[in-house]
Amino acid sequence: MKLAEALVNRSDLQRKIAQLKQRLERVVKVQEGEEPAEQPKDLLRELEHSVNELAKLVRAINRTNSGVAFDEHWTLADALAERDRMLQLRKLLNDLLEQASITQDRFSRSEVRYQRTVDVVQIQKQVDDLSRDYRELDFRIQEKNWTITLIGS
């Protein structure tokens, strides 16, 4: 199985677990004298099986990410950490830009005026550069995911 397939399966299992949890929540209590629409024991068994399968899959994905070279300097896990760093920094800078661009309506001369203390143009350029670098790295990661065989599959 390719790593990309394992990632799709992981996402499907996470969605299935969330749905099983919702289904269980609907049947753990019923009005006295009523029967649940589904048997909680069966749902619990399926939930436990799905959680176990997810854990097994995550372990294989983690082994693969940490054991496969991304390039001459990084493992795939390193590339994922770098992508996450870029995403986090880009979001923080975007939030900062949003705060810096808030306009204050003044209704009289006595109201407080605000001025920016950051270089919005420079920060916007940094956000644009991070966005481009993120897209390029993400594309390389996705490309690699379709060529790497999952370790332990």
N, C-alpha and C. Protein backbone atom coordinates (compact mmCIF):
# COMPACT_ATOMS: atom_id res chain seq x y z
N MET A 1 0.85 -1.17 0.00
CA MET A 1 0.00 0.00 0.00
C MET A 1 0.90 1.24 0.00
N LYS A 2 0.54 2.21 -0.81
CA LYS A 2 1.28 3.47 -0.84
C LYS A 2 0.88 4.33 0.36
N LEU A 3 1.79 5.21 0.75
CA LEU A 3 1.55 6.09 1.89
C LEU A 3 0.30 6.93 1.68
N ALA A 4 0.10 7.43 0.47
CA ALA A 4 -1.08 8.25 0.19
C ALA A 4 -2.37 7.47 0.44
N GLU A 5 -2.38 6.19 0.07
CA GLU A 5 -3.56 5.35 0.33
C GLU A 5 -3.80 5.20 1.83
N ALA A 6 -2.72 5.02 2.58
CA ALA A 6 -2.83 4.89 4.03
C ALA A 6 -3.38 6.17 4.64
N LEU A 7 -2.98 7.31 4.11
CA LEU A 7 -3.47 8.60 4.62
C LEU A 7 -4.97 8.76 4.35
N VAL A 8 -5.41 8.30 3.18
CA VAL A 8 -6.84 8.33 2.86
C VAL A 8 -7.60 7.39 3.80
N ASN A 9 -7.05 6.19 4.01
CA ASN A 9 -7.68 5.23 4.92
C ASN A 9 -7.75 5.78 6.34
N ARG A 10 -6.68 6.47 6.77
CA ARG A 10 -6.68 7.08 8.11
C ARG A 10 -7.81 8.09 8.23
N SER A 11 -7.97 8.92 7.22
CA SER A 11 -9.04 9.92 7.23
C SER A 11 -10.41 9.24 7.27
N ASP A 12 -10.58 8.19 6.48
CA ASP A 12 -11.85 7.45 6.47
C ASP A 12 -12.14 6.84 7.84
N LEU A 13 -11.12 6.26 8.47
CA LEU A 13 -11.31 5.66 9.79
C LEU A 13 -11.65 6.72 10.83
N GLN A 14 -11.01 7.87 10.76
CA GLN A 14 -11.32 8.95 11.71
C GLN A 14 -12.77 9.40 11.55
N ARG A 15 -13.22 9.49 10.30
CA ARG A 15 -14.61 9.88 10.04
C ARG A 15 -15.57 8.79 10.54
N LYS A 16 -15.22 7.53 10.30
CA LYS A 16 -16.05 6.41 10.74
C LYS A 16 -16.17 6.40 12.27
N ILE A 17 -15.06 6.63 12.96
CA ILE A 17 -15.07 6.65 14.43
C ILE A 17 -15.97 7.76 14.94
N ALA A 18 -15.89 8.93 14.32
CA ALA A 18 -16.75 10.05 14.73
C ALA A 18 -18.23 9.70 14.51
N GLN A 19 -18.53 9.04 13.40
CA GLN A 19 -19.91 8.65 13.13
C GLN A 19 -20.40 7.58 14.10
N LEU A 20 -19.53 6.62 14.42
CA LEU A 20 -19.91 5.59 15.40
C LEU A 20 -20.18 6.21 16.76
N LYS A 21 -19.37 7.18 17.13
CA LYS A 21 -19.57 7.88 18.41
C LYS A 21 -20.94 8.56 18.43
N GLN A 22 -21.28 9.23 17.34
CA GLN A 22 -22.60 9.89 17.26
C GLN A 22 -23.74 8.87 17.32
N ARG A 23 -23.57 7.76 16.61
CA ARG A 23 -24.60 6.73 16.63
C ARG A 23 -24.77 6.15 18.03
N LEU A 24 -23.65 5.94 18.72
CA LEU A 24 -23.70 5.42 20.09
C LEU A 24 -24.40 6.41 21.02
N GLU A 25 -24.09 7.68 20.87
CA GLU A 25 -24.70 8.70 21.73
C GLU A 25 -26.22 8.71 21.57
N ARG A 26 -26.71 8.36 20.38
CA ARG A 26 -28.15 8.36 20.14
C ARG A 26 -28.86 7.15 20.75
N VAL A 27 -28.09 6.07 21.05
CA VAL A 27 -28.75 4.85 21.52
C VAL A 27 -28.36 4.44 22.94
N VAL A 28 -27.54 5.22 23.62
CA VAL A 28 -27.14 4.81 24.97
C VAL A 28 -28.27 5.00 25.98
N LYS A 29 -29.25 5.82 25.63
CA LYS A 29 -30.43 6.00 26.49
C LYS A 29 -31.67 5.94 25.62
N VAL A 30 -32.64 5.18 26.09
CA VAL A 30 -33.93 5.14 25.41
C VAL A 30 -35.02 5.27 26.47
N GLN A 31 -36.16 5.66 26.03
CA GLN A 31 -37.30 5.76 26.93
C GLN A 31 -37.65 4.38 27.45
N GLU A 32 -38.04 4.32 28.69
CA GLU A 32 -38.38 3.05 29.32
C GLU A 32 -39.42 2.32 28.47
N GLY A 33 -39.14 1.03 28.22
CA GLY A 33 -40.04 0.21 27.42
C GLY A 33 -39.72 0.24 25.92
N GLU A 34 -38.82 1.11 25.49
CA GLU A 34 -38.44 1.22 24.08
C GLU A 34 -37.17 0.40 23.83
N GLU A 35 -36.92 0.08 22.58
CA GLU A 35 -35.69 -0.60 22.17
C GLU A 35 -34.85 0.41 21.38
N PRO A 36 -33.53 0.36 21.53
CA PRO A 36 -32.69 1.26 20.74
C PRO A 36 -32.74 0.89 19.26
N ALA A 37 -32.54 1.88 18.41
CA ALA A 37 -32.55 1.64 16.96
C ALA A 37 -31.40 0.72 16.55
N GLU A 38 -30.29 0.80 17.28
CA GLU A 38 -29.14 -0.07 17.03
C GLU A 38 -28.66 -0.60 18.37
N GLN A 39 -28.04 -1.75 18.35
CA GLN A 39 -27.55 -2.34 19.59
C GLN A 39 -26.22 -1.70 20.00
N PRO A 40 -26.18 -1.09 21.19
CA PRO A 40 -24.95 -0.45 21.65
C PRO A 40 -23.76 -1.41 21.68
N LYS A 41 -23.99 -2.68 22.07
CA LYS A 41 -22.89 -3.65 22.12
C LYS A 41 -22.23 -3.81 20.75
N ASP A 42 -23.06 -3.88 19.70
CA ASP A 42 -22.52 -4.03 18.34
C ASP A 42 -21.74 -2.79 17.93
N LEU A 43 -22.30 -1.62 18.25
CA LEU A 43 -21.61 -0.37 17.90
C LEU A 43 -20.30 -0.23 18.68
N LEU A 44 -20.31 -0.60 19.94
CA LEU A 44 -19.09 -0.54 20.75
C LEU A 44 -18.02 -1.47 20.20
N ARG A 45 -18.44 -2.65 19.77
CA ARG A 45 -17.50 -3.61 19.19
C ARG A 45 -16.89 -3.03 17.91
N GLU A 46 -17.73 -2.46 17.07
CA GLU A 46 -17.25 -1.86 15.82
C GLU A 46 -16.37 -0.64 16.10
N LEU A 47 -16.72 0.14 17.12
CA LEU A 47 -15.91 1.30 17.49
C LEU A 47 -14.53 0.86 17.96
N GLU A 48 -14.49 -0.14 18.82
CA GLU A 48 -13.20 -0.62 19.32
C GLU A 48 -12.34 -1.17 18.19
N HIS A 49 -12.95 -1.91 17.29
CA HIS A 49 -12.22 -2.45 16.14
C HIS A 49 -11.65 -1.31 15.28
N SER A 50 -12.46 -0.29 15.03
CA SER A 50 -12.03 0.84 14.21
C SER A 50 -10.90 1.62 14.87
N VAL A 51 -10.99 1.82 16.18
CA VAL A 51 -9.93 2.53 16.92
C VAL A 51 -8.63 1.73 16.86
N ASN A 52 -8.73 0.41 17.01
CA ASN A 52 -7.54 -0.44 16.92
C ASN A 52 -6.92 -0.38 15.52
N GLU A 53 -7.74 -0.42 14.50
CA GLU A 53 -7.26 -0.33 13.11
C GLU A 53 -6.58 1.03 12.87
N LEU A 54 -7.19 2.08 13.40
CA LEU A 54 -6.61 3.42 13.24
C LEU A 54 -5.24 3.49 13.90
N ALA A 55 -5.13 2.96 15.10
CA ALA A 55 -3.85 2.99 15.82
C ALA A 55 -2.78 2.23 15.04
N LYS A 56 -3.14 1.09 14.49
CA LYS A 56 -2.21 0.29 13.70
C LYS A 56 -1.76 1.06 12.46
N LEU A 57 -2.69 1.70 11.81
CA LEU A 57 -2.39 2.48 10.62
C LEU A 57 -1.53 3.69 10.94
N VAL A 58 -1.83 4.38 12.02
CA VAL A 58 -1.04 5.56 12.43
C VAL A 58 0.39 5.15 12.76
N ARG A 59 0.55 4.02 13.42
CA ARG A 59 1.91 3.54 13.71
C ARG A 59 2.69 3.30 12.43
N ALA A 60 2.06 2.68 11.45
CA ALA A 60 2.73 2.42 10.17
C ALA A 60 3.04 3.72 9.43
N ILE A 61 2.13 4.67 9.47
CA ILE A 61 2.36 5.98 8.83
C ILE A 61 3.53 6.69 9.51
N ASN A 62 3.53 6.68 10.85
CA ASN A 62 4.62 7.34 11.59
C ASN A 62 5.97 6.68 11.31
N ARG A 63 6.00 5.34 11.27
CA ARG A 63 7.25 4.62 10.94
C ARG A 63 7.73 5.03 9.56
N THR A 64 6.81 5.10 8.63
CA THR A 64 7.15 5.46 7.26
C THR A 64 7.67 6.89 7.19
N ASN A 65 6.94 7.82 7.82
CA ASN A 65 7.34 9.23 7.79
C ASN A 65 8.72 9.45 8.39
N SER A 66 9.03 8.72 9.45
CA SER A 66 10.33 8.94 10.11
C SER A 66 11.44 8.09 9.49
N GLY A 67 11.09 7.09 8.69
CA GLY A 67 12.10 6.21 8.15
C GLY A 67 12.44 6.42 6.68
N VAL A 68 11.72 7.32 6.04
CA VAL A 68 11.93 7.53 4.61
C VAL A 68 12.54 8.90 4.36
N ALA A 69 13.55 8.93 3.50
CA ALA A 69 14.20 10.19 3.16
C ALA A 69 13.29 11.01 2.25
N PHE A 70 13.18 12.28 2.57
CA PHE A 70 12.42 13.22 1.73
C PHE A 70 13.35 13.83 0.68
N ASP A 71 14.52 14.21 1.14
CA ASP A 71 15.59 14.70 0.27
C ASP A 71 16.91 14.38 0.95
N GLU A 72 17.97 15.01 0.54
CA GLU A 72 19.29 14.69 1.11
C GLU A 72 19.46 15.19 2.54
N HIS A 73 18.56 16.04 3.02
CA HIS A 73 18.69 16.62 4.37
C HIS A 73 17.61 16.15 5.34
N TRP A 74 16.44 15.85 4.84
CA TRP A 74 15.28 15.61 5.71
C TRP A 74 14.67 14.23 5.49
N THR A 75 14.03 13.74 6.57
CA THR A 75 13.11 12.62 6.42
C THR A 75 11.76 13.22 6.05
N LEU A 76 10.82 12.37 5.71
CA LEU A 76 9.47 12.87 5.42
C LEU A 76 8.87 13.53 6.66
N ALA A 77 9.16 12.99 7.84
CA ALA A 77 8.66 13.60 9.09
C ALA A 77 9.21 15.01 9.25
N ASP A 78 10.47 15.22 8.89
CA ASP A 78 11.06 16.56 8.96
C ASP A 78 10.33 17.52 8.01
N ALA A 79 10.04 17.05 6.81
CA ALA A 79 9.34 17.88 5.83
C ALA A 79 7.94 18.24 6.33
N LEU A 80 7.27 17.28 6.96
CA LEU A 80 5.93 17.55 7.52
C LEU A 80 6.01 18.59 8.63
N ALA A 81 7.04 18.49 9.48
CA ALA A 81 7.21 19.47 10.56
C ALA A 81 7.48 20.85 9.98
N GLU A 82 8.27 20.92 8.93
CA GLU A 82 8.55 22.21 8.28
C GLU A 82 7.29 22.78 7.65
N ARG A 83 6.49 21.94 7.02
CA ARG A 83 5.23 22.40 6.43
C ARG A 83 4.30 22.95 7.52
N ASP A 84 4.24 22.26 8.66
CA ASP A 84 3.42 22.74 9.77
C ASP A 84 3.93 24.07 10.32
N ARG A 85 5.26 24.22 10.37
CA ARG A 85 5.85 25.48 10.84
C ARG A 85 5.44 26.63 9.92
N MET A 86 5.54 26.39 8.62
CA MET A 86 5.16 27.42 7.66
C MET A 86 3.69 27.80 7.80
N LEU A 87 2.85 26.80 7.95
CA LEU A 87 1.41 27.05 8.08
C LEU A 87 1.11 27.87 9.33
N GLN A 88 1.73 27.50 10.43
CA GLN A 88 1.50 28.21 11.68
C GLN A 88 1.99 29.66 11.59
N LEU A 89 3.19 29.85 11.07
CA LEU A 89 3.72 31.21 10.96
C LEU A 89 2.88 32.05 10.01
N ARG A 90 2.47 31.47 8.89
CA ARG A 90 1.62 32.19 7.93
C ARG A 90 0.30 32.62 8.59
N LYS A 91 -0.30 31.74 9.36
CA LYS A 91 -1.55 32.08 10.04
C LYS A 91 -1.34 33.19 11.06
N LEU A 92 -0.27 33.09 11.83
CA LEU A 92 0.02 34.13 12.83
C LEU A 92 0.23 35.49 12.16
N LEU A 93 0.99 35.51 11.08
CA LEU A 93 1.24 36.77 10.37
C LEU A 93 -0.03 37.30 9.72
N ASN A 94 -0.86 36.41 9.19
CA ASN A 94 -2.15 36.83 8.62
C ASN A 94 -3.02 37.48 9.69
N ASP A 95 -3.06 36.86 10.86
CA ASP A 95 -3.85 37.42 11.97
C ASP A 95 -3.31 38.79 12.36
N LEU A 96 -1.98 38.94 12.38
CA LEU A 96 -1.36 40.22 12.69
C LEU A 96 -1.75 41.28 11.66
N LEU A 97 -1.72 40.90 10.39
CA LEU A 97 -2.13 41.83 9.33
C LEU A 97 -3.58 42.25 9.49
N GLU A 98 -4.40 41.31 9.86
CA GLU A 98 -5.81 41.63 10.06
C GLU A 98 -5.98 42.67 11.17
N GLN A 99 -5.23 42.51 12.25
CA GLN A 99 -5.29 43.47 13.35
C GLN A 99 -4.74 44.84 12.92
N ALA A 100 -3.69 44.83 12.13
CA ALA A 100 -3.06 46.08 11.72
C ALA A 100 -3.92 46.83 10.70
N SER A 101 -4.80 46.13 10.01
CA SER A 101 -5.59 46.80 8.97
C SER A 101 -6.98 47.21 9.44
N ILE A 102 -7.29 47.01 10.70
CA ILE A 102 -8.60 47.42 11.22
C ILE A 102 -8.65 48.94 11.25
N THR A 103 -9.68 49.48 10.62
CA THR A 103 -9.82 50.94 10.61
C THR A 103 -10.69 51.37 11.78
N GLN A 104 -10.34 52.50 12.33
CA GLN A 104 -11.10 53.06 13.44
C GLN A 104 -11.92 54.22 12.91
N ASP A 105 -13.21 54.15 13.09
CA ASP A 105 -14.07 55.27 12.69
C ASP A 105 -14.02 56.32 13.79
N ARG A 106 -13.76 57.53 13.38
CA ARG A 106 -13.72 58.64 14.34
C ARG A 106 -14.91 59.53 14.09
N PHE A 107 -15.59 59.86 15.14
CA PHE A 107 -16.77 60.70 15.00
C PHE A 107 -16.52 62.12 15.49
N SER A 108 -15.44 62.30 16.22
CA SER A 108 -15.08 63.66 16.66
C SER A 108 -13.56 63.74 16.77
N ARG A 109 -13.04 64.96 16.89
CA ARG A 109 -11.60 65.17 16.96
C ARG A 109 -11.00 64.67 18.27
N SER A 110 -11.81 64.51 19.27
CA SER A 110 -11.29 64.13 20.58
C SER A 110 -11.09 62.61 20.72
N GLU A 111 -11.56 61.86 19.74
CA GLU A 111 -11.39 60.42 19.83
C GLU A 111 -9.94 60.02 19.55
N VAL A 112 -9.56 58.90 20.13
CA VAL A 112 -8.19 58.41 20.00
C VAL A 112 -7.94 57.93 18.57
N ARG A 113 -6.78 58.33 18.05
CA ARG A 113 -6.36 57.85 16.73
C ARG A 113 -5.32 56.76 16.93
N TYR A 114 -5.36 55.79 16.06
CA TYR A 114 -4.40 54.69 16.13
C TYR A 114 -3.48 54.74 14.92
N GLN A 115 -2.27 54.27 15.13
CA GLN A 115 -1.34 54.15 14.02
C GLN A 115 -0.69 52.78 14.07
N ARG A 116 -0.29 52.31 12.92
CA ARG A 116 0.34 50.99 12.83
C ARG A 116 1.77 51.06 13.35
N THR A 117 2.18 49.96 13.97
CA THR A 117 3.55 49.88 14.47
C THR A 117 4.35 48.82 13.72
N VAL A 118 3.75 48.25 12.68
CA VAL A 118 4.41 47.22 11.89
C VAL A 118 4.37 47.63 10.42
N ASP A 119 5.30 47.09 9.65
CA ASP A 119 5.37 47.34 8.22
C ASP A 119 4.46 46.33 7.52
N VAL A 120 3.25 46.77 7.20
CA VAL A 120 2.24 45.89 6.62
C VAL A 120 2.71 45.33 5.27
N VAL A 121 3.36 46.13 4.46
CA VAL A 121 3.82 45.68 3.15
C VAL A 121 4.85 44.56 3.31
N GLN A 122 5.79 44.75 4.24
CA GLN A 122 6.83 43.74 4.46
C GLN A 122 6.23 42.45 5.00
N ILE A 123 5.29 42.57 5.92
CA ILE A 123 4.65 41.37 6.48
C ILE A 123 3.81 40.67 5.42
N GLN A 124 3.12 41.42 4.59
CA GLN A 124 2.33 40.82 3.51
C GLN A 124 3.23 40.07 2.54
N LYS A 125 4.39 40.63 2.24
CA LYS A 125 5.34 39.94 1.36
C LYS A 125 5.80 38.64 2.01
N GLN A 126 6.05 38.69 3.32
CA GLN A 126 6.46 37.48 4.05
C GLN A 126 5.35 36.42 3.99
N VAL A 127 4.10 36.85 4.16
CA VAL A 127 2.96 35.93 4.07
C VAL A 127 2.88 35.33 2.67
N ASP A 128 3.05 36.16 1.65
CA ASP A 128 3.00 35.66 0.27
C ASP A 128 4.12 34.66 0.01
N ASP A 129 5.32 34.96 0.49
CA ASP A 129 6.45 34.05 0.32
C ASP A 129 6.21 32.73 1.04
N LEU A 130 5.70 32.81 2.27
CA LEU A 130 5.39 31.60 3.03
C LEU A 130 4.31 30.77 2.32
N SER A 131 3.32 31.45 1.78
CA SER A 131 2.25 30.74 1.07
C SER A 131 2.80 30.00 -0.13
N ARG A 132 3.65 30.65 -0.89
CA ARG A 132 4.26 30.00 -2.06
C ARG A 132 5.12 28.81 -1.62
N ASP A 133 5.98 29.03 -0.62
CA ASP A 133 6.86 27.97 -0.14
C ASP A 133 6.06 26.79 0.42
N TYR A 134 4.98 27.11 1.12
CA TYR A 134 4.11 26.07 1.68
C TYR A 134 3.51 25.23 0.55
N ARG A 135 2.97 25.90 -0.48
CA ARG A 135 2.36 25.18 -1.60
C ARG A 135 3.38 24.27 -2.29
N GLU A 136 4.57 24.80 -2.50
CA GLU A 136 5.61 24.01 -3.17
C GLU A 136 6.02 22.80 -2.34
N LEU A 137 6.22 23.00 -1.04
CA LEU A 137 6.59 21.89 -0.17
C LEU A 137 5.45 20.88 -0.07
N ASP A 138 4.24 21.37 0.07
CA ASP A 138 3.09 20.48 0.17
C ASP A 138 2.96 19.64 -1.10
N PHE A 139 3.17 20.24 -2.25
CA PHE A 139 3.11 19.49 -3.51
C PHE A 139 4.17 18.39 -3.53
N ARG A 140 5.38 18.71 -3.11
CA ARG A 140 6.46 17.71 -3.08
C ARG A 140 6.13 16.58 -2.11
N ILE A 141 5.53 16.93 -0.96
CA ILE A 141 5.13 15.91 0.01
C ILE A 141 4.05 15.00 -0.58
N GLN A 142 3.03 15.61 -1.19
CA GLN A 142 1.95 14.82 -1.79
C GLN A 142 2.49 13.91 -2.89
N GLU A 143 3.39 14.44 -3.69
CA GLU A 143 4.00 13.65 -4.75
C GLU A 143 4.75 12.44 -4.17
N LYS A 144 5.50 12.68 -3.11
CA LYS A 144 6.26 11.62 -2.44
C LYS A 144 5.32 10.56 -1.86
N ASN A 145 4.18 11.01 -1.31
CA ASN A 145 3.22 10.09 -0.70
C ASN A 145 2.74 9.02 -1.68
N TRP A 146 2.68 9.35 -2.97
CA TRP A 146 2.19 8.39 -3.96
C TRP A 146 3.29 7.47 -4.47
N THR A 147 4.55 7.73 -4.05
CA THR A 147 5.64 6.88 -4.52
C THR A 147 6.20 6.00 -3.40
N ILE A 148 5.88 6.32 -2.17
CA ILE A 148 6.44 5.62 -1.02
C ILE A 148 5.52 4.47 -0.60
N THR A 149 6.09 3.32 -0.42
CA THR A 149 5.33 2.17 0.10
C THR A 149 5.32 2.23 1.62
N LEU A 150 4.14 2.04 2.19
CA LEU A 150 3.98 2.10 3.63
C LEU A 150 4.83 1.02 4.31
N ILE A 151 5.60 1.41 5.30
CA ILE A 151 6.42 0.46 6.05
C ILE A 151 5.49 -0.32 6.99
N GLY A 152 5.59 -1.63 6.92
CA GLY A 152 4.76 -2.46 7.79
C GLY A 152 3.44 -2.84 7.15
N SER A 153 3.30 -2.58 5.85
CA SER A 153 2.03 -2.97 5.20
C SER A 153 2.20 -4.27 4.44
